[in-house]
Amino acid sequence: MTIAVGWSRNWFQSTQARQYLIGGLFYYILDKQTVHMDKIVVEGHYRKNGISDGLLQELFKRLRNKH
């Protein structure tokens, strides 16, 4: 399964090859050292496949590169 990720100010999403939204997370950057993650969601059919872990790891990577 090929997964693509999109990034916006407070929403990070994951889609599969056919551009179907399968998961995402909401977050808030409070300051240079604090990010509050509010929710993480994954569509039921795709749960238990590492999607939420992949979303978190991608968020951490992008935040490290941003600051």
Protein backbone atom coordinates (compact mmCIF):
# COMPACT_ATOMS: atom_id res chain seq x y z
CA MET A 1 0.00 0.00 0.00
CA THR A 2 1.42 3.39 -0.98
CA ILE A 3 0.77 6.19 1.50
CA ALA A 4 1.09 9.92 0.81
CA VAL A 5 1.08 12.62 3.46
CA GLY A 6 -0.18 16.18 3.39
CA TRP A 7 0.69 18.99 5.76
CA SER A 8 -1.20 22.13 6.75
CA ARG A 9 -1.08 24.49 9.68
CA ASN A 10 -2.96 22.36 12.23
CA TRP A 11 -3.80 19.18 10.36
CA PHE A 12 -1.59 16.42 9.07
CA GLN A 13 -3.19 13.74 6.91
CA SER A 14 -2.40 10.45 5.26
CA THR A 15 -3.94 9.17 2.04
CA GLN A 16 -3.48 5.95 0.13
CA ALA A 17 -2.65 5.67 -3.57
CA ARG A 18 -6.17 6.47 -4.78
CA GLN A 19 -6.23 9.72 -2.76
CA TYR A 20 -8.68 8.31 -0.19
CA LEU A 21 -8.23 9.96 3.21
CA ILE A 22 -7.34 7.23 5.70
CA GLY A 23 -6.12 9.17 8.74
CA GLY A 24 -4.81 12.34 10.24
CA LEU A 25 -3.93 14.23 13.37
CA PHE A 26 -4.68 17.65 14.83
CA TYR A 27 -1.95 19.61 16.57
CA TYR A 28 -1.12 23.10 17.86
CA ILE A 29 2.31 24.69 18.01
CA LEU A 30 2.35 26.59 21.30
CA ASP A 31 5.96 27.81 21.19
CA LYS A 32 9.37 26.71 19.85
CA GLN A 33 9.55 23.80 22.28
CA THR A 34 5.92 22.82 22.79
CA VAL A 35 3.46 21.17 20.41
CA HIS A 36 0.08 19.94 21.63
CA MET A 37 -1.36 17.02 19.68
CA ASP A 38 -5.12 17.03 20.13
CA LYS A 39 -6.39 14.02 18.17
CA ILE A 40 -5.22 11.24 15.92
CA VAL A 41 -7.73 9.39 13.74
CA VAL A 42 -7.46 6.42 11.38
CA GLU A 43 -10.30 5.02 9.28
CA GLY A 44 -11.43 1.68 10.72
CA HIS A 45 -10.41 -0.50 7.79
CA TYR A 46 -6.79 0.77 8.03
CA ARG A 47 -6.33 0.44 11.80
CA LYS A 48 -3.65 -1.90 13.18
CA ASN A 49 -1.45 -1.19 10.12
CA GLY A 50 0.93 1.35 11.67
CA ILE A 51 -0.78 4.40 10.16
CA SER A 52 -0.97 6.35 13.45
CA ASP A 53 2.67 5.54 14.25
CA GLY A 54 3.67 6.68 10.77
CA LEU A 55 1.73 9.92 11.17
CA LEU A 56 3.40 10.64 14.51
CA GLN A 57 6.88 9.85 13.22
CA GLU A 58 6.36 12.08 10.17
CA LEU A 59 5.06 14.92 12.37
CA PHE A 60 8.10 14.62 14.67
CA LYS A 61 10.48 14.60 11.71
CA ARG A 62 8.92 17.68 10.13
CA LEU A 63 8.81 19.57 13.41
CA ARG A 64 12.50 18.83 14.06
CA ASN A 65 13.38 20.09 10.57
CA LYS A 66 11.24 23.20 11.00
CA HIS A 67 12.92 24.38 14.23
